[in-house]
Amino acid sequence: MKNHTFTILIEQDEDGFYVATVPALKSCYTQAKSLVELYPRIKEVIELCLEEEEVTPMKFVGVQQLEVTVAS
């Protein structure tokens, strides 16, 4: 068995759900109504993703928010 450490990005959507994504694993994400519910879910999803794909090595650098205006 090999231990992995992942950076998890957690955001809150417009409906109040917490959405967790793992950048080092493609299509590895989940959501929950509370953070207490979110943590076991993302751990389970990571374990499932590791069964199907390789880890893309990534180094955490920082978080930045960027506002973009789109003409409609």
PDB file of N, CA and C in Angstrom:
ATOM      1  N   MET A   1       0.844  -1.183   0.000  1.00  0.00           N
ATOM      2  CA  MET A   1       0.000   0.000   0.000  1.00  0.00           C
ATOM      3  C   MET A   1       0.884   1.238   0.000  1.00  0.00           C
ATOM      4  N   LYS A   2       0.406   2.259  -0.700  1.00  0.00           N
ATOM      5  CA  LYS A   2       1.152   3.505  -0.792  1.00  0.00           C
ATOM      6  C   LYS A   2       0.283   4.643  -0.280  1.00  0.00           C
ATOM      7  N   ASN A   3       0.872   5.504   0.540  1.00  0.00           N
ATOM      8  CA  ASN A   3       0.162   6.685   1.040  1.00  0.00           C
ATOM      9  C   ASN A   3       0.289   7.821   0.040  1.00  0.00           C
ATOM     10  N   HIS A   4      -0.789   8.536  -0.146  1.00  0.00           N
ATOM     11  CA  HIS A   4      -0.816   9.708  -1.012  1.00  0.00           C
ATOM     12  C   HIS A   4      -1.327  10.893  -0.205  1.00  0.00           C
ATOM     13  N   THR A   5      -0.815  12.063  -0.524  1.00  0.00           N
ATOM     14  CA  THR A   5      -1.329  13.304   0.043  1.00  0.00           C
ATOM     15  C   THR A   5      -1.853  14.140  -1.111  1.00  0.00           C
ATOM     16  N   PHE A   6      -3.096  14.583  -1.001  1.00  0.00           N
ATOM     17  CA  PHE A   6      -3.727  15.327  -2.081  1.00  0.00           C
ATOM     18  C   PHE A   6      -4.144  16.716  -1.621  1.00  0.00           C
ATOM     19  N   THR A   7      -4.061  17.659  -2.531  1.00  0.00           N
ATOM     20  CA  THR A   7      -4.650  18.975  -2.331  1.00  0.00           C
ATOM     21  C   THR A   7      -6.099  18.872  -2.789  1.00  0.00           C
ATOM     22  N   ILE A   8      -7.015  19.318  -1.946  1.00  0.00           N
ATOM     23  CA  ILE A   8      -8.437  19.277  -2.258  1.00  0.00           C
ATOM     24  C   ILE A   8      -8.953  20.710  -2.298  1.00  0.00           C
ATOM     25  N   LEU A   9      -9.609  21.048  -3.373  1.00  0.00           N
ATOM     26  CA  LEU A   9     -10.209  22.369  -3.534  1.00  0.00           C
ATOM     27  C   LEU A   9     -11.671  22.270  -3.125  1.00  0.00           C
ATOM     28  N   ILE A  10     -12.090  23.106  -2.182  1.00  0.00           N
ATOM     29  CA  ILE A  10     -13.478  23.094  -1.713  1.00  0.00           C
ATOM     30  C   ILE A  10     -14.091  24.457  -1.997  1.00  0.00           C
ATOM     31  N   GLU A  11     -15.226  24.428  -2.705  1.00  0.00           N
ATOM     32  CA  GLU A  11     -15.965  25.643  -3.029  1.00  0.00           C
ATOM     33  C   GLU A  11     -17.416  25.449  -2.609  1.00  0.00           C
ATOM     34  N   GLN A  12     -18.162  26.538  -2.542  1.00  0.00           N
ATOM     35  CA  GLN A  12     -19.582  26.444  -2.226  1.00  0.00           C
ATOM     36  C   GLN A  12     -20.367  26.998  -3.413  1.00  0.00           C
ATOM     37  N   ASP A  13     -21.329  26.201  -3.910  1.00  0.00           N
ATOM     38  CA  ASP A  13     -22.090  26.639  -5.068  1.00  0.00           C
ATOM     39  C   ASP A  13     -23.257  27.542  -4.665  1.00  0.00           C
ATOM     40  N   GLU A  14     -24.006  28.002  -5.663  1.00  0.00           N
ATOM     41  CA  GLU A  14     -25.085  28.960  -5.414  1.00  0.00           C
ATOM     42  C   GLU A  14     -26.246  28.375  -4.611  1.00  0.00           C
ATOM     43  N   ASP A  15     -26.326  27.049  -4.542  1.00  0.00           N
ATOM     44  CA  ASP A  15     -27.370  26.390  -3.748  1.00  0.00           C
ATOM     45  C   ASP A  15     -26.912  26.049  -2.333  1.00  0.00           C
ATOM     46  N   GLY A  16     -25.670  26.406  -1.999  1.00  0.00           N
ATOM     47  CA  GLY A  16     -25.155  26.157  -0.660  1.00  0.00           C
ATOM     48  C   GLY A  16     -24.434  24.832  -0.502  1.00  0.00           C
ATOM     49  N   PHE A  17     -24.343  24.027  -1.566  1.00  0.00           N
ATOM     50  CA  PHE A  17     -23.618  22.763  -1.493  1.00  0.00           C
ATOM     51  C   PHE A  17     -22.117  23.017  -1.529  1.00  0.00           C
ATOM     52  N   TYR A  18     -21.378  22.219  -0.761  1.00  0.00           N
ATOM     53  CA  TYR A  18     -19.922  22.244  -0.810  1.00  0.00           C
ATOM     54  C   TYR A  18     -19.474  21.261  -1.887  1.00  0.00           C
ATOM     55  N   VAL A  19     -18.583  21.714  -2.753  1.00  0.00           N
ATOM     56  CA  VAL A  19     -18.090  20.899  -3.852  1.00  0.00           C
ATOM     57  C   VAL A  19     -16.582  20.742  -3.685  1.00  0.00           C
ATOM     58  N   ALA A  20     -16.130  19.484  -3.608  1.00  0.00           N
ATOM     59  CA  ALA A  20     -14.705  19.196  -3.440  1.00  0.00           C
ATOM     60  C   ALA A  20     -14.162  18.570  -4.716  1.00  0.00           C
ATOM     61  N   THR A  21     -13.020  19.074  -5.180  1.00  0.00           N
ATOM     62  CA  THR A  21     -12.350  18.503  -6.341  1.00  0.00           C
ATOM     63  C   THR A  21     -10.902  18.224  -5.991  1.00  0.00           C
ATOM     64  N   VAL A  22     -10.332  17.235  -6.658  1.00  0.00           N
ATOM     65  CA  VAL A  22      -8.938  16.847  -6.450  1.00  0.00           C
ATOM     66  C   VAL A  22      -8.207  17.049  -7.780  1.00  0.00           C
ATOM     67  N   PRO A  23      -7.441  18.138  -7.934  1.00  0.00           N
ATOM     68  CA  PRO A  23      -6.795  18.424  -9.208  1.00  0.00           C
ATOM     69  C   PRO A  23      -5.848  17.325  -9.709  1.00  0.00           C
ATOM     70  N   ALA A  24      -5.250  16.567  -8.821  1.00  0.00           N
ATOM     71  CA  ALA A  24      -4.294  15.537  -9.229  1.00  0.00           C
ATOM     72  C   ALA A  24      -4.968  14.282  -9.790  1.00  0.00           C
ATOM     73  N   LEU A  25      -6.281  14.203  -9.672  1.00  0.00           N
ATOM     74  CA  LEU A  25      -7.032  13.061 -10.200  1.00  0.00           C
ATOM     75  C   LEU A  25      -8.140  13.577 -11.107  1.00  0.00           C
ATOM     76  N   LYS A  26      -8.104  13.187 -12.357  1.00  0.00           N
ATOM     77  CA  LYS A  26      -9.102  13.644 -13.316  1.00  0.00           C
ATOM     78  C   LYS A  26     -10.489  13.172 -12.897  1.00  0.00           C
ATOM     79  N   SER A  27     -11.449  14.024 -13.023  1.00  0.00           N
ATOM     80  CA  SER A  27     -12.858  13.705 -12.721  1.00  0.00           C
ATOM     81  C   SER A  27     -13.075  13.216 -11.299  1.00  0.00           C
ATOM     82  N   CYS A  28     -12.285  13.697 -10.366  1.00  0.00           N
ATOM     83  CA  CYS A  28     -12.421  13.295  -8.963  1.00  0.00           C
ATOM     84  C   CYS A  28     -13.050  14.456  -8.195  1.00  0.00           C
ATOM     85  N   TYR A  29     -14.356  14.321  -7.953  1.00  0.00           N
ATOM     86  CA  TYR A  29     -15.078  15.382  -7.249  1.00  0.00           C
ATOM     87  C   TYR A  29     -16.316  14.796  -6.589  1.00  0.00           C
ATOM     88  N   THR A  30     -16.857  15.527  -5.634  1.00  0.00           N
ATOM     89  CA  THR A  30     -18.102  15.166  -4.978  1.00  0.00           C
ATOM     90  C   THR A  30     -18.692  16.409  -4.351  1.00  0.00           C
ATOM     91  N   GLN A  31     -19.907  16.278  -3.817  1.00  0.00           N
ATOM     92  CA  GLN A  31     -20.543  17.414  -3.161  1.00  0.00           C
ATOM     93  C   GLN A  31     -21.344  16.939  -1.965  1.00  0.00           C
ATOM     94  N   ALA A  32     -21.629  17.875  -1.061  1.00  0.00           N
ATOM     95  CA  ALA A  32     -22.428  17.570   0.126  1.00  0.00           C
ATOM     96  C   ALA A  32     -23.008  18.867   0.671  1.00  0.00           C
ATOM     97  N   LYS A  33     -24.020  18.740   1.513  1.00  0.00           N
ATOM     98  CA  LYS A  33     -24.661  19.905   2.125  1.00  0.00           C
ATOM     99  C   LYS A  33     -23.814  20.510   3.239  1.00  0.00           C
ATOM    100  N   SER A  34     -22.935  19.701   3.863  1.00  0.00           N
ATOM    101  CA  SER A  34     -22.104  20.219   4.956  1.00  0.00           C
ATOM    102  C   SER A  34     -20.674  19.703   4.802  1.00  0.00           C
ATOM    103  N   LEU A  35     -19.754  20.397   5.455  1.00  0.00           N
ATOM    104  CA  LEU A  35     -18.357  19.955   5.430  1.00  0.00           C
ATOM    105  C   LEU A  35     -18.184  18.620   6.148  1.00  0.00           C
ATOM    106  N   VAL A  36     -18.985  18.390   7.189  1.00  0.00           N
ATOM    107  CA  VAL A  36     -18.921  17.127   7.921  1.00  0.00           C
ATOM    108  C   VAL A  36     -19.255  15.961   6.994  1.00  0.00           C
ATOM    109  N   GLU A  37     -20.218  16.154   6.105  1.00  0.00           N
ATOM    110  CA  GLU A  37     -20.576  15.121   5.125  1.00  0.00           C
ATOM    111  C   GLU A  37     -19.563  15.031   3.989  1.00  0.00           C
ATOM    112  N   LEU A  38     -18.940  16.161   3.672  1.00  0.00           N
ATOM    113  CA  LEU A  38     -18.059  16.229   2.511  1.00  0.00           C
ATOM    114  C   LEU A  38     -16.778  15.423   2.686  1.00  0.00           C
ATOM    115  N   TYR A  39     -16.150  15.497   3.849  1.00  0.00           N
ATOM    116  CA  TYR A  39     -14.836  14.870   4.033  1.00  0.00           C
ATOM    117  C   TYR A  39     -14.836  13.359   3.826  1.00  0.00           C
ATOM    118  N   PRO A  40     -15.770  12.606   4.404  1.00  0.00           N
ATOM    119  CA  PRO A  40     -15.756  11.166   4.117  1.00  0.00           C
ATOM    120  C   PRO A  40     -16.096  10.855   2.661  1.00  0.00           C
ATOM    121  N   ARG A  41     -16.920  11.686   2.054  1.00  0.00           N
ATOM    122  CA  ARG A  41     -17.265  11.464   0.647  1.00  0.00           C
ATOM    123  C   ARG A  41     -16.057  11.652  -0.267  1.00  0.00           C
ATOM    124  N   ILE A  42     -15.283  12.723  -0.041  1.00  0.00           N
ATOM    125  CA  ILE A  42     -14.141  12.949  -0.932  1.00  0.00           C
ATOM    126  C   ILE A  42     -13.087  11.872  -0.712  1.00  0.00           C
ATOM    127  N   LYS A  43     -12.940  11.397   0.508  1.00  0.00           N
ATOM    128  CA  LYS A  43     -11.989  10.312   0.755  1.00  0.00           C
ATOM    129  C   LYS A  43     -12.410   9.058  -0.014  1.00  0.00           C
ATOM    130  N   GLU A  44     -13.697   8.739   0.014  1.00  0.00           N
ATOM    131  CA  GLU A  44     -14.196   7.574  -0.713  1.00  0.00           C
ATOM    132  C   GLU A  44     -13.993   7.733  -2.221  1.00  0.00           C
ATOM    133  N   VAL A  45     -14.276   8.925  -2.744  1.00  0.00           N
ATOM    134  CA  VAL A  45     -14.113   9.178  -4.173  1.00  0.00           C
ATOM    135  C   VAL A  45     -12.647   9.072  -4.577  1.00  0.00           C
ATOM    136  N   ILE A  46     -11.749   9.576  -3.745  1.00  0.00           N
ATOM    137  CA  ILE A  46     -10.308   9.458  -4.034  1.00  0.00           C
ATOM    138  C   ILE A  46      -9.919   7.988  -4.132  1.00  0.00           C
ATOM    139  N   GLU A  47     -10.370   7.186  -3.179  1.00  0.00           N
ATOM    140  CA  GLU A  47     -10.042   5.757  -3.200  1.00  0.00           C
ATOM    141  C   GLU A  47     -10.562   5.099  -4.479  1.00  0.00           C
ATOM    142  N   LEU A  48     -11.770   5.457  -4.906  1.00  0.00           N
ATOM    143  CA  LEU A  48     -12.325   4.904  -6.142  1.00  0.00           C
ATOM    144  C   LEU A  48     -11.538   5.362  -7.366  1.00  0.00           C
ATOM    145  N   CYS A  49     -11.171   6.641  -7.396  1.00  0.00           N
ATOM    146  CA  CYS A  49     -10.394   7.163  -8.522  1.00  0.00           C
ATOM    147  C   CYS A  49      -9.024   6.497  -8.617  1.00  0.00           C
ATOM    148  N   LEU A  50      -8.404   6.223  -7.481  1.00  0.00           N
ATOM    149  CA  LEU A  50      -7.087   5.585  -7.484  1.00  0.00           C
ATOM    150  C   LEU A  50      -7.134   4.164  -8.042  1.00  0.00           C
ATOM    151  N   GLU A  51      -8.292   3.520  -7.977  1.00  0.00           N
ATOM    152  CA  GLU A  51      -8.439   2.186  -8.562  1.00  0.00           C
ATOM    153  C   GLU A  51      -8.437   2.245 -10.086  1.00  0.00           C
ATOM    154  N   GLU A  52      -8.798   3.400 -10.660  1.00  0.00           N
ATOM    155  CA  GLU A  52      -8.984   3.520 -12.100  1.00  0.00           C
ATOM    156  C   GLU A  52      -7.916   4.337 -12.822  1.00  0.00           C
ATOM    157  N   GLU A  53      -7.189   5.170 -12.120  1.00  0.00           N
ATOM    158  CA  GLU A  53      -6.258   6.065 -12.814  1.00  0.00           C
ATOM    159  C   GLU A  53      -4.999   6.329 -12.010  1.00  0.00           C
ATOM    160  N   GLU A  54      -4.014   6.835 -12.711  1.00  0.00           N
ATOM    161  CA  GLU A  54      -2.744   7.212 -12.101  1.00  0.00           C
ATOM    162  C   GLU A  54      -2.828   8.636 -11.572  1.00  0.00           C
ATOM    163  N   VAL A  55      -2.058   8.906 -10.551  1.00  0.00           N
ATOM    164  CA  VAL A  55      -1.980  10.251  -9.974  1.00  0.00           C
ATOM    165  C   VAL A  55      -1.142  11.135 -10.895  1.00  0.00           C
ATOM    166  N   THR A  56      -1.655  12.325 -11.191  1.00  0.00           N
ATOM    167  CA  THR A  56      -0.878  13.319 -11.921  1.00  0.00           C
ATOM    168  C   THR A  56      -0.115  14.133 -10.873  1.00  0.00           C
ATOM    169  N   PRO A  57       1.221  13.991 -10.822  1.00  0.00           N
ATOM    170  CA  PRO A  57       1.969  14.708  -9.789  1.00  0.00           C
ATOM    171  C   PRO A  57       1.773  16.221  -9.901  1.00  0.00           C
ATOM    172  N   MET A  58       1.397  16.829  -8.797  1.00  0.00           N
ATOM    173  CA  MET A  58       1.196  18.269  -8.757  1.00  0.00           C
ATOM    174  C   MET A  58       1.731  18.802  -7.437  1.00  0.00           C
ATOM    175  N   LYS A  59       2.221  20.021  -7.468  1.00  0.00           N
ATOM    176  CA  LYS A  59       2.708  20.687  -6.268  1.00  0.00           C
ATOM    177  C   LYS A  59       1.807  21.889  -6.002  1.00  0.00           C
ATOM    178  N   PHE A  60       1.270  21.979  -4.793  1.00  0.00           N
ATOM    179  CA  PHE A  60       0.406  23.098  -4.441  1.00  0.00           C
ATOM    180  C   PHE A  60       1.224  24.387  -4.412  1.00  0.00           C
ATOM    181  N   VAL A  61       0.726  25.392  -5.109  1.00  0.00           N
ATOM    182  CA  VAL A  61       1.417  26.679  -5.179  1.00  0.00           C
ATOM    183  C   VAL A  61       0.610  27.767  -4.477  1.00  0.00           C
ATOM    184  N   GLY A  62      -0.679  27.799  -4.699  1.00  0.00           N
ATOM    185  CA  GLY A  62      -1.510  28.827  -4.080  1.00  0.00           C
ATOM    186  C   GLY A  62      -2.899  28.832  -4.678  1.00  0.00           C
ATOM    187  N   VAL A  63      -3.725  29.721  -4.167  1.00  0.00           N
ATOM    188  CA  VAL A  63      -5.093  29.871  -4.642  1.00  0.00           C
ATOM    189  C   VAL A  63      -5.285  31.319  -5.053  1.00  0.00           C
ATOM    190  N   GLN A  64      -5.924  31.497  -6.177  1.00  0.00           N
ATOM    191  CA  GLN A  64      -6.160  32.842  -6.691  1.00  0.00           C
ATOM    192  C   GLN A  64      -7.570  32.910  -7.236  1.00  0.00           C
ATOM    193  N   GLN A  65      -8.312  33.964  -6.927  1.00  0.00           N
ATOM    194  CA  GLN A  65      -9.608  34.185  -7.545  1.00  0.00           C
ATOM    195  C   GLN A  65      -9.429  35.234  -8.629  1.00  0.00           C
ATOM    196  N   LEU A  66     -10.075  35.020  -9.756  1.00  0.00           N
ATOM    197  CA  LEU A  66      -9.959  35.921 -10.894  1.00  0.00           C
ATOM    198  C   LEU A  66     -11.357  36.216 -11.416  1.00  0.00           C
ATOM    199  N   GLU A  67     -11.697  37.483 -11.502  1.00  0.00           N
ATOM    200  CA  GLU A  67     -13.003  37.878 -12.038  1.00  0.00           C
ATOM    201  C   GLU A  67     -12.875  38.157 -13.515  1.00  0.00           C
ATOM    202  N   VAL A  68     -13.770  37.581 -14.305  1.00  0.00           N
ATOM    203  CA  VAL A  68     -13.770  37.748 -15.755  1.00  0.00           C
ATOM    204  C   VAL A  68     -15.155  38.244 -16.175  1.00  0.00           C
ATOM    205  N   THR A  69     -15.201  39.301 -16.950  1.00  0.00           N
ATOM    206  CA  THR A  69     -16.458  39.820 -17.462  1.00  0.00           C
ATOM    207  C   THR A  69     -16.651  39.316 -18.876  1.00  0.00           C
ATOM    208  N   VAL A  70     -17.816  38.725 -19.123  1.00  0.00           N
ATOM    209  CA  VAL A  70     -18.125  38.190 -20.451  1.00  0.00           C
ATOM    210  C   VAL A  70     -19.269  38.992 -21.047  1.00  0.00           C
ATOM    211  N   ALA A  71     -19.064  39.487 -22.250  1.00  0.00           N
ATOM    212  CA  ALA A  71     -20.122  40.244 -22.930  1.00  0.00           C
ATOM    213  C   ALA A  71     -21.245  39.294 -23.308  1.00  0.00           C
ATOM    214  N   SER A  72     -22.487  39.723 -23.059  1.00  0.00           N
ATOM    215  CA  SER A  72     -23.626  38.854 -23.413  1.00  0.00           C
ATOM    216  C   SER A  72     -24.316  39.306 -24.652  1.00  0.00           C
TER     217      SER A  72
END
